[in-house]
Amino acid sequence: MERPLIEIRDVRKVYYKDRIEIPVLEKLDLDVPAGDFLVLMGPSGSGKSTLLHLMGGLDRPTSGTVHIGDAQLDAMSERQLTSWRSRNVGFIFQMYHLVPVLTAAQNIELPLLLFKMSAKERKERVRTALDVVGLTDRSDHRPNQLSGGQEQRVAIARAIVTDPNIILADEPTGDLDAKTSVEILGLLDLLHNDFKKTILMVTHDPRAASHGSRILHLNKGALSKDSQDAQLASAT
């Protein structure tokens, strides 16, 4: 049997506030096969974003193990995690986190500056990413010259420009109107179906969740049985 791309075992995550222990995830197990489009749903404070951050190496479990492919994230140093993230994970957030003084192309190019590659290759990769998200005609525009949907497309292009195996999306349509949300979700479908990316998406929106191939519900740090059919989310 083929090993899952993501294996989370017995993970517990605790935060502390004024010496008070605040448990977020409790003894959590999760397998995500390569090529999955997994949706995480649940109430605010249920641990969805924390779980996403653990899978992206942005945070560490208090206990338990997180394996992504051959990498054991909980055993890595910060330097190793930074290097691993830059090569394997693309992040998409509700807030776009674009650098205001840089153009769309320059924002997309930023992750490539961590790699040893020529300016020509960086330019080609940026052009390809812009083409995928349909913004080749906005490459020289700064964020304040773009709509919210266009800014999110730039953020998605930045997430995929290094050709990562995994895309982690935290409420990617949370700040967008209904029409623009449909366009962004269509782009995620394209990345999943045509580019075979493994996608993990946190959302509160049942309509957005229906785009996933699998849905898991988090509540009080525990996972409930996932939907067999993502379309069931429309009735959530």
C-alpha atoms as a PDB file:
ATOM      1  CA  MET A   1       0.000   0.000   0.000  1.00  0.00           C
ATOM      2  CA  GLU A   2       1.375   3.388  -1.027  1.00  0.00           C
ATOM      3  CA  ARG A   3       2.401   5.622   1.848  1.00  0.00           C
ATOM      4  CA  PRO A   4       0.390   8.866   2.204  1.00  0.00           C
ATOM      5  CA  LEU A   5       2.150  12.081   1.272  1.00  0.00           C
ATOM      6  CA  ILE A   6       1.212  13.539   4.674  1.00  0.00           C
ATOM      7  CA  GLU A   7       1.196  11.453   7.850  1.00  0.00           C
ATOM      8  CA  ILE A   8       0.256  13.032  11.169  1.00  0.00           C
ATOM      9  CA  ARG A   9       0.433  10.781  14.202  1.00  0.00           C
ATOM     10  CA  ASP A  10      -0.706  11.389  17.778  1.00  0.00           C
ATOM     11  CA  VAL A  11      -0.235  15.142  17.425  1.00  0.00           C
ATOM     12  CA  ARG A  12      -1.028  17.404  20.337  1.00  0.00           C
ATOM     13  CA  LYS A  13      -0.676  21.167  20.214  1.00  0.00           C
ATOM     14  CA  VAL A  14      -0.863  23.381  23.266  1.00  0.00           C
ATOM     15  CA  TYR A  15      -0.444  27.137  23.625  1.00  0.00           C
ATOM     16  CA  TYR A  16       0.135  28.985  26.872  1.00  0.00           C
ATOM     17  CA  LYS A  17      -1.359  32.253  28.091  1.00  0.00           C
ATOM     18  CA  ASP A  18      -0.221  33.556  31.462  1.00  0.00           C
ATOM     19  CA  ARG A  19       0.961  30.045  32.333  1.00  0.00           C
ATOM     20  CA  ILE A  20      -2.473  28.674  31.550  1.00  0.00           C
ATOM     21  CA  GLU A  21      -2.430  25.715  29.173  1.00  0.00           C
ATOM     22  CA  ILE A  22      -4.725  26.121  26.161  1.00  0.00           C
ATOM     23  CA  PRO A  23      -5.050  22.839  24.223  1.00  0.00           C
ATOM     24  CA  VAL A  24      -5.743  23.270  20.502  1.00  0.00           C
ATOM     25  CA  LEU A  25      -5.201  19.810  18.991  1.00  0.00           C
ATOM     26  CA  GLU A  26      -5.576  16.574  20.928  1.00  0.00           C
ATOM     27  CA  LYS A  27      -4.014  13.237  19.890  1.00  0.00           C
ATOM     28  CA  LEU A  28      -4.766  13.866  16.241  1.00  0.00           C
ATOM     29  CA  ASP A  29      -4.071  11.369  13.432  1.00  0.00           C
ATOM     30  CA  LEU A  30      -4.404  12.223   9.738  1.00  0.00           C
ATOM     31  CA  ASP A  31      -3.351  10.734   6.403  1.00  0.00           C
ATOM     32  CA  VAL A  32      -3.419  12.772   3.192  1.00  0.00           C
ATOM     33  CA  PRO A  33      -2.561  10.949  -0.055  1.00  0.00           C
ATOM     34  CA  ALA A  34      -0.733  12.711  -2.861  1.00  0.00           C
ATOM     35  CA  GLY A  35      -3.136  14.476  -5.202  1.00  0.00           C
ATOM     36  CA  ASP A  36      -5.863  14.944  -2.579  1.00  0.00           C
ATOM     37  CA  PHE A  37      -7.931  18.135  -2.277  1.00  0.00           C
ATOM     38  CA  LEU A  38      -8.719  18.061   1.430  1.00  0.00           C
ATOM     39  CA  VAL A  39     -11.023  20.621   3.006  1.00  0.00           C
ATOM     40  CA  LEU A  40     -10.904  21.397   6.727  1.00  0.00           C
ATOM     41  CA  MET A  41     -14.060  22.843   8.264  1.00  0.00           C
ATOM     42  CA  GLY A  42     -15.113  23.651  11.799  1.00  0.00           C
ATOM     43  CA  PRO A  43     -15.948  26.504  14.151  1.00  0.00           C
ATOM     44  CA  SER A  44     -13.520  29.297  14.942  1.00  0.00           C
ATOM     45  CA  GLY A  45     -10.907  28.149  17.428  1.00  0.00           C
ATOM     46  CA  SER A  46     -11.272  24.487  16.488  1.00  0.00           C
ATOM     47  CA  GLY A  47      -7.642  24.184  15.379  1.00  0.00           C
ATOM     48  CA  LYS A  48      -8.007  24.301  11.591  1.00  0.00           C
ATOM     49  CA  SER A  49      -5.358  26.941  10.927  1.00  0.00           C
ATOM     50  CA  THR A  50      -3.060  25.415  13.554  1.00  0.00           C
ATOM     51  CA  LEU A  51      -3.246  22.049  11.773  1.00  0.00           C
ATOM     52  CA  LEU A  52      -2.537  23.746   8.445  1.00  0.00           C
ATOM     53  CA  HIS A  53       0.492  25.521   9.939  1.00  0.00           C
ATOM     54  CA  LEU A  54       1.845  22.237  11.332  1.00  0.00           C
ATOM     55  CA  MET A  55       1.619  20.650   7.879  1.00  0.00           C
ATOM     56  CA  GLY A  56       3.415  23.633   6.377  1.00  0.00           C
ATOM     57  CA  GLY A  57       6.210  23.702   8.922  1.00  0.00           C
ATOM     58  CA  LEU A  58       5.135  27.123  10.210  1.00  0.00           C
ATOM     59  CA  ASP A  59       4.562  25.694  13.673  1.00  0.00           C
ATOM     60  CA  ARG A  60       5.602  22.635  15.658  1.00  0.00           C
ATOM     61  CA  PRO A  61       3.511  20.113  17.560  1.00  0.00           C
ATOM     62  CA  THR A  62       3.799  19.966  21.322  1.00  0.00           C
ATOM     63  CA  SER A  63       4.022  16.202  20.894  1.00  0.00           C
ATOM     64  CA  GLY A  64       3.533  13.678  18.101  1.00  0.00           C
ATOM     65  CA  THR A  65       5.026  13.478  14.601  1.00  0.00           C
ATOM     66  CA  VAL A  66       4.423  15.195  11.266  1.00  0.00           C
ATOM     67  CA  HIS A  67       5.810  13.427   8.190  1.00  0.00           C
ATOM     68  CA  ILE A  68       5.575  15.000   4.730  1.00  0.00           C
ATOM     69  CA  GLY A  69       7.033  12.594   2.215  1.00  0.00           C
ATOM     70  CA  ASP A  70      10.456  11.632   3.543  1.00  0.00           C
ATOM     71  CA  ALA A  71      10.698  14.667   5.835  1.00  0.00           C
ATOM     72  CA  GLN A  72       9.858  14.590   9.550  1.00  0.00           C
ATOM     73  CA  LEU A  73       9.014  18.215  10.240  1.00  0.00           C
ATOM     74  CA  ASP A  74       8.918  18.017  14.031  1.00  0.00           C
ATOM     75  CA  ALA A  75      12.543  16.813  14.057  1.00  0.00           C
ATOM     76  CA  MET A  76      13.932  19.600  11.834  1.00  0.00           C
ATOM     77  CA  SER A  77      15.836  22.703  12.879  1.00  0.00           C
ATOM     78  CA  GLU A  78      14.398  26.105  11.958  1.00  0.00           C
ATOM     79  CA  ARG A  79      16.927  26.431   9.161  1.00  0.00           C
ATOM     80  CA  GLN A  80      16.022  23.014   7.768  1.00  0.00           C
ATOM     81  CA  LEU A  81      12.320  23.862   7.956  1.00  0.00           C
ATOM     82  CA  THR A  82      12.833  27.118   6.083  1.00  0.00           C
ATOM     83  CA  SER A  83      14.674  25.316   3.302  1.00  0.00           C
ATOM     84  CA  TRP A  84      12.083  22.534   3.171  1.00  0.00           C
ATOM     85  CA  ARG A  85       9.139  24.967   3.042  1.00  0.00           C
ATOM     86  CA  SER A  86      10.662  26.967   0.200  1.00  0.00           C
ATOM     87  CA  ARG A  87      10.854  23.872  -1.983  1.00  0.00           C
ATOM     88  CA  ASN A  88       7.754  21.923  -1.046  1.00  0.00           C
ATOM     89  CA  VAL A  89       4.894  24.176   0.083  1.00  0.00           C
ATOM     90  CA  GLY A  90       2.974  27.087  -1.382  1.00  0.00           C
ATOM     91  CA  PHE A  91       0.869  29.187   1.003  1.00  0.00           C
ATOM     92  CA  ILE A  92      -2.329  31.081   0.181  1.00  0.00           C
ATOM     93  CA  PHE A  93      -3.937  33.168   2.928  1.00  0.00           C
ATOM     94  CA  GLN A  94      -7.129  35.211   3.313  1.00  0.00           C
ATOM     95  CA  MET A  95      -4.994  38.348   3.472  1.00  0.00           C
ATOM     96  CA  TYR A  96      -2.754  38.470   0.440  1.00  0.00           C
ATOM     97  CA  HIS A  97       0.486  39.596   2.142  1.00  0.00           C
ATOM     98  CA  LEU A  98       1.797  41.306  -0.992  1.00  0.00           C
ATOM     99  CA  VAL A  99       4.613  43.834  -0.738  1.00  0.00           C
ATOM    100  CA  PRO A 100       2.971  47.183  -1.630  1.00  0.00           C
ATOM    101  CA  VAL A 101       6.004  48.765  -3.325  1.00  0.00           C
ATOM    102  CA  LEU A 102       6.631  45.792  -5.622  1.00  0.00           C
ATOM    103  CA  THR A 103       4.862  44.969  -8.867  1.00  0.00           C
ATOM    104  CA  ALA A 104       2.859  41.782  -9.307  1.00  0.00           C
ATOM    105  CA  ALA A 105       5.796  40.158 -11.112  1.00  0.00           C
ATOM    106  CA  GLN A 106       8.241  41.209  -8.400  1.00  0.00           C
ATOM    107  CA  ASN A 107       5.973  39.860  -5.647  1.00  0.00           C
ATOM    108  CA  ILE A 108       5.721  36.540  -7.459  1.00  0.00           C
ATOM    109  CA  GLU A 109       9.489  36.409  -7.937  1.00  0.00           C
ATOM    110  CA  LEU A 110      10.269  36.760  -4.207  1.00  0.00           C
ATOM    111  CA  PRO A 111      10.274  33.019  -3.327  1.00  0.00           C
ATOM    112  CA  LEU A 112      12.649  32.313  -6.216  1.00  0.00           C
ATOM    113  CA  LEU A 113      15.310  34.577  -4.690  1.00  0.00           C
ATOM    114  CA  LEU A 114      16.009  31.786  -2.182  1.00  0.00           C
ATOM    115  CA  PHE A 115      17.163  29.524  -5.009  1.00  0.00           C
ATOM    116  CA  LYS A 116      20.293  29.505  -7.108  1.00  0.00           C
ATOM    117  CA  MET A 117      18.930  30.262 -10.539  1.00  0.00           C
ATOM    118  CA  SER A 118      19.568  32.791 -13.260  1.00  0.00           C
ATOM    119  CA  ALA A 119      17.532  35.955 -13.672  1.00  0.00           C
ATOM    120  CA  LYS A 120      16.341  34.557 -16.990  1.00  0.00           C
ATOM    121  CA  GLU A 121      14.960  31.398 -15.381  1.00  0.00           C
ATOM    122  CA  ARG A 122      13.272  33.419 -12.638  1.00  0.00           C
ATOM    123  CA  LYS A 123      11.649  35.629 -15.263  1.00  0.00           C
ATOM    124  CA  GLU A 124      10.407  32.572 -17.188  1.00  0.00           C
ATOM    125  CA  ARG A 125       8.931  31.019 -14.053  1.00  0.00           C
ATOM    126  CA  VAL A 126       7.175  34.258 -13.128  1.00  0.00           C
ATOM    127  CA  ARG A 127       5.757  34.534 -16.635  1.00  0.00           C
ATOM    128  CA  THR A 128       4.459  30.962 -16.452  1.00  0.00           C
ATOM    129  CA  ALA A 129       2.839  31.564 -13.039  1.00  0.00           C
ATOM    130  CA  LEU A 130       1.201  34.766 -14.282  1.00  0.00           C
ATOM    131  CA  ASP A 131      -0.141  32.887 -17.282  1.00  0.00           C
ATOM    132  CA  VAL A 132      -1.619  30.143 -15.076  1.00  0.00           C
ATOM    133  CA  VAL A 133      -3.553  32.683 -12.986  1.00  0.00           C
ATOM    134  CA  GLY A 134      -4.508  34.800 -15.997  1.00  0.00           C
ATOM    135  CA  LEU A 135      -2.648  37.987 -15.077  1.00  0.00           C
ATOM    136  CA  THR A 136      -0.003  38.394 -17.753  1.00  0.00           C
ATOM    137  CA  ASP A 137      -1.432  41.824 -18.551  1.00  0.00           C
ATOM    138  CA  ARG A 138      -1.067  42.971 -14.920  1.00  0.00           C
ATOM    139  CA  SER A 139       2.559  42.013 -14.322  1.00  0.00           C
ATOM    140  CA  ASP A 140       3.723  45.622 -13.864  1.00  0.00           C
ATOM    141  CA  HIS A 141       0.855  46.683 -11.610  1.00  0.00           C
ATOM    142  CA  ARG A 142       1.378  47.232  -7.895  1.00  0.00           C
ATOM    143  CA  PRO A 143      -1.122  45.831  -5.358  1.00  0.00           C
ATOM    144  CA  ASN A 144      -2.983  49.158  -4.976  1.00  0.00           C
ATOM    145  CA  GLN A 145      -3.668  49.050  -8.721  1.00  0.00           C
ATOM    146  CA  LEU A 146      -5.309  45.613  -8.516  1.00  0.00           C
ATOM    147  CA  SER A 147      -8.706  44.390  -7.366  1.00  0.00           C
ATOM    148  CA  GLY A 148      -8.982  42.023  -4.410  1.00  0.00           C
ATOM    149  CA  GLY A 149      -9.444  39.071  -6.741  1.00  0.00           C
ATOM    150  CA  GLN A 150      -6.406  40.079  -8.779  1.00  0.00           C
ATOM    151  CA  GLU A 151      -4.342  40.421  -5.600  1.00  0.00           C
ATOM    152  CA  GLN A 152      -5.342  36.902  -4.574  1.00  0.00           C
ATOM    153  CA  ARG A 153      -4.369  35.644  -8.035  1.00  0.00           C
ATOM    154  CA  VAL A 154      -0.949  37.224  -7.563  1.00  0.00           C
ATOM    155  CA  ALA A 155      -0.714  35.495  -4.176  1.00  0.00           C
ATOM    156  CA  ILE A 156      -1.605  32.170  -5.815  1.00  0.00           C
ATOM    157  CA  ALA A 157       0.981  32.732  -8.539  1.00  0.00           C
ATOM    158  CA  ARG A 158       3.562  33.425  -5.829  1.00  0.00           C
ATOM    159  CA  ALA A 159       2.528  30.181  -4.097  1.00  0.00           C
ATOM    160  CA  ILE A 160       3.004  28.050  -7.216  1.00  0.00           C
ATOM    161  CA  VAL A 161       6.047  29.724  -8.799  1.00  0.00           C
ATOM    162  CA  THR A 162       8.460  27.288  -7.104  1.00  0.00           C
ATOM    163  CA  ASP A 163       6.342  24.328  -8.317  1.00  0.00           C
ATOM    164  CA  PRO A 164       5.634  22.980  -4.794  1.00  0.00           C
ATOM    165  CA  ASN A 165       4.101  19.569  -4.105  1.00  0.00           C
ATOM    166  CA  ILE A 166       1.589  20.939  -1.613  1.00  0.00           C
ATOM    167  CA  ILE A 167      -0.607  24.051  -1.562  1.00  0.00           C
ATOM    168  CA  LEU A 168      -2.016  25.175   1.792  1.00  0.00           C
ATOM    169  CA  ALA A 169      -4.915  27.615   1.536  1.00  0.00           C
ATOM    170  CA  ASP A 170      -6.307  29.278   4.663  1.00  0.00           C
ATOM    171  CA  GLU A 171      -9.693  30.889   3.912  1.00  0.00           C
ATOM    172  CA  PRO A 172      -8.531  31.876   0.388  1.00  0.00           C
ATOM    173  CA  THR A 173     -11.948  33.327  -0.514  1.00  0.00           C
ATOM    174  CA  GLY A 174     -12.778  34.798   2.902  1.00  0.00           C
ATOM    175  CA  ASP A 175     -12.194  38.401   1.822  1.00  0.00           C
ATOM    176  CA  LEU A 176     -13.735  38.153  -1.655  1.00  0.00           C
ATOM    177  CA  ASP A 177     -17.188  38.677  -3.138  1.00  0.00           C
ATOM    178  CA  ALA A 178     -19.186  35.716  -4.422  1.00  0.00           C
ATOM    179  CA  LYS A 179     -18.270  36.120  -8.107  1.00  0.00           C
ATOM    180  CA  THR A 180     -14.549  36.512  -7.412  1.00  0.00           C
ATOM    181  CA  SER A 181     -14.646  33.587  -4.971  1.00  0.00           C
ATOM    182  CA  VAL A 182     -15.958  31.336  -7.747  1.00  0.00           C
ATOM    183  CA  GLU A 183     -13.076  32.428  -9.980  1.00  0.00           C
ATOM    184  CA  ILE A 184     -10.456  31.737  -7.289  1.00  0.00           C
ATOM    185  CA  LEU A 185     -11.956  28.333  -6.492  1.00  0.00           C
ATOM    186  CA  GLY A 186     -11.912  27.527 -10.193  1.00  0.00           C
ATOM    187  CA  LEU A 187      -8.215  28.320 -10.186  1.00  0.00           C
ATOM    188  CA  LEU A 188      -7.657  25.932  -7.260  1.00  0.00           C
ATOM    189  CA  ASP A 189      -9.597  23.275  -9.205  1.00  0.00           C
ATOM    190  CA  LEU A 190      -7.240  23.857 -12.131  1.00  0.00           C
ATOM    191  CA  LEU A 191      -4.172  23.422  -9.915  1.00  0.00           C
ATOM    192  CA  HIS A 192      -5.616  20.229  -8.478  1.00  0.00           C
ATOM    193  CA  ASN A 193      -6.979  18.614 -11.621  1.00  0.00           C
ATOM    194  CA  ASP A 194      -4.544  19.755 -14.311  1.00  0.00           C
ATOM    195  CA  PHE A 195      -1.343  20.320 -12.332  1.00  0.00           C
ATOM    196  CA  LYS A 196      -1.948  17.455  -9.854  1.00  0.00           C
ATOM    197  CA  LYS A 197      -1.200  19.553  -6.784  1.00  0.00           C
ATOM    198  CA  THR A 198      -2.094  18.284  -3.329  1.00  0.00           C
ATOM    199  CA  ILE A 199      -4.297  20.985  -1.792  1.00  0.00           C
ATOM    200  CA  LEU A 200      -5.400  21.458   1.803  1.00  0.00           C
ATOM    201  CA  MET A 201      -7.923  24.240   2.297  1.00  0.00           C
ATOM    202  CA  VAL A 202      -9.445  25.713   5.446  1.00  0.00           C
ATOM    203  CA  THR A 203     -12.830  27.338   4.897  1.00  0.00           C
ATOM    204  CA  HIS A 204     -16.065  28.263   6.670  1.00  0.00           C
ATOM    205  CA  ASP A 205     -17.938  28.403   3.360  1.00  0.00           C
ATOM    206  CA  PRO A 206     -19.866  25.231   2.367  1.00  0.00           C
ATOM    207  CA  ARG A 207     -19.839  26.346  -1.276  1.00  0.00           C
ATOM    208  CA  ALA A 208     -16.058  26.598  -1.229  1.00  0.00           C
ATOM    209  CA  ALA A 209     -15.831  23.247   0.581  1.00  0.00           C
ATOM    210  CA  SER A 210     -17.789  21.552  -2.206  1.00  0.00           C
ATOM    211  CA  HIS A 211     -14.734  21.959  -4.457  1.00  0.00           C
ATOM    212  CA  GLY A 212     -12.723  19.532  -2.327  1.00  0.00           C
ATOM    213  CA  SER A 213     -12.511  15.805  -2.912  1.00  0.00           C
ATOM    214  CA  ARG A 214     -12.728  15.145   0.843  1.00  0.00           C
ATOM    215  CA  ILE A 215     -13.971  17.087   3.846  1.00  0.00           C
ATOM    216  CA  LEU A 216     -12.884  16.775   7.463  1.00  0.00           C
ATOM    217  CA  HIS A 217     -14.507  18.568  10.371  1.00  0.00           C
ATOM    218  CA  LEU A 218     -12.476  19.781  13.332  1.00  0.00           C
ATOM    219  CA  ASN A 219     -14.140  20.459  16.641  1.00  0.00           C
ATOM    220  CA  LYS A 220     -12.341  21.117  19.920  1.00  0.00           C
ATOM    221  CA  GLY A 221      -9.094  19.836  18.464  1.00  0.00           C
ATOM    222  CA  ALA A 222     -10.456  16.503  17.239  1.00  0.00           C
ATOM    223  CA  LEU A 223     -11.307  15.306  13.726  1.00  0.00           C
ATOM    224  CA  SER A 224     -14.716  13.872  12.974  1.00  0.00           C
ATOM    225  CA  LYS A 225     -15.467  11.396  10.220  1.00  0.00           C
ATOM    226  CA  ASP A 226     -14.961  12.975   6.813  1.00  0.00           C
ATOM    227  CA  SER A 227     -17.674  13.265   4.210  1.00  0.00           C
ATOM    228  CA  GLN A 228     -17.648  10.549   1.592  1.00  0.00           C
ATOM    229  CA  ASP A 229     -18.899  13.043  -0.945  1.00  0.00           C
ATOM    230  CA  ALA A 230     -17.685  16.627  -0.849  1.00  0.00           C
ATOM    231  CA  GLN A 231     -21.016  17.749  -2.227  1.00  0.00           C
ATOM    232  CA  LEU A 232     -22.557  16.992   1.156  1.00  0.00           C
ATOM    233  CA  ALA A 233     -20.905  20.205   2.309  1.00  0.00           C
ATOM    234  CA  SER A 234     -23.526  22.166   0.449  1.00  0.00           C
ATOM    235  CA  ALA A 235     -26.032  20.977   3.017  1.00  0.00           C
ATOM    236  CA  THR A 236     -23.799  21.879   5.985  1.00  0.00           C
END
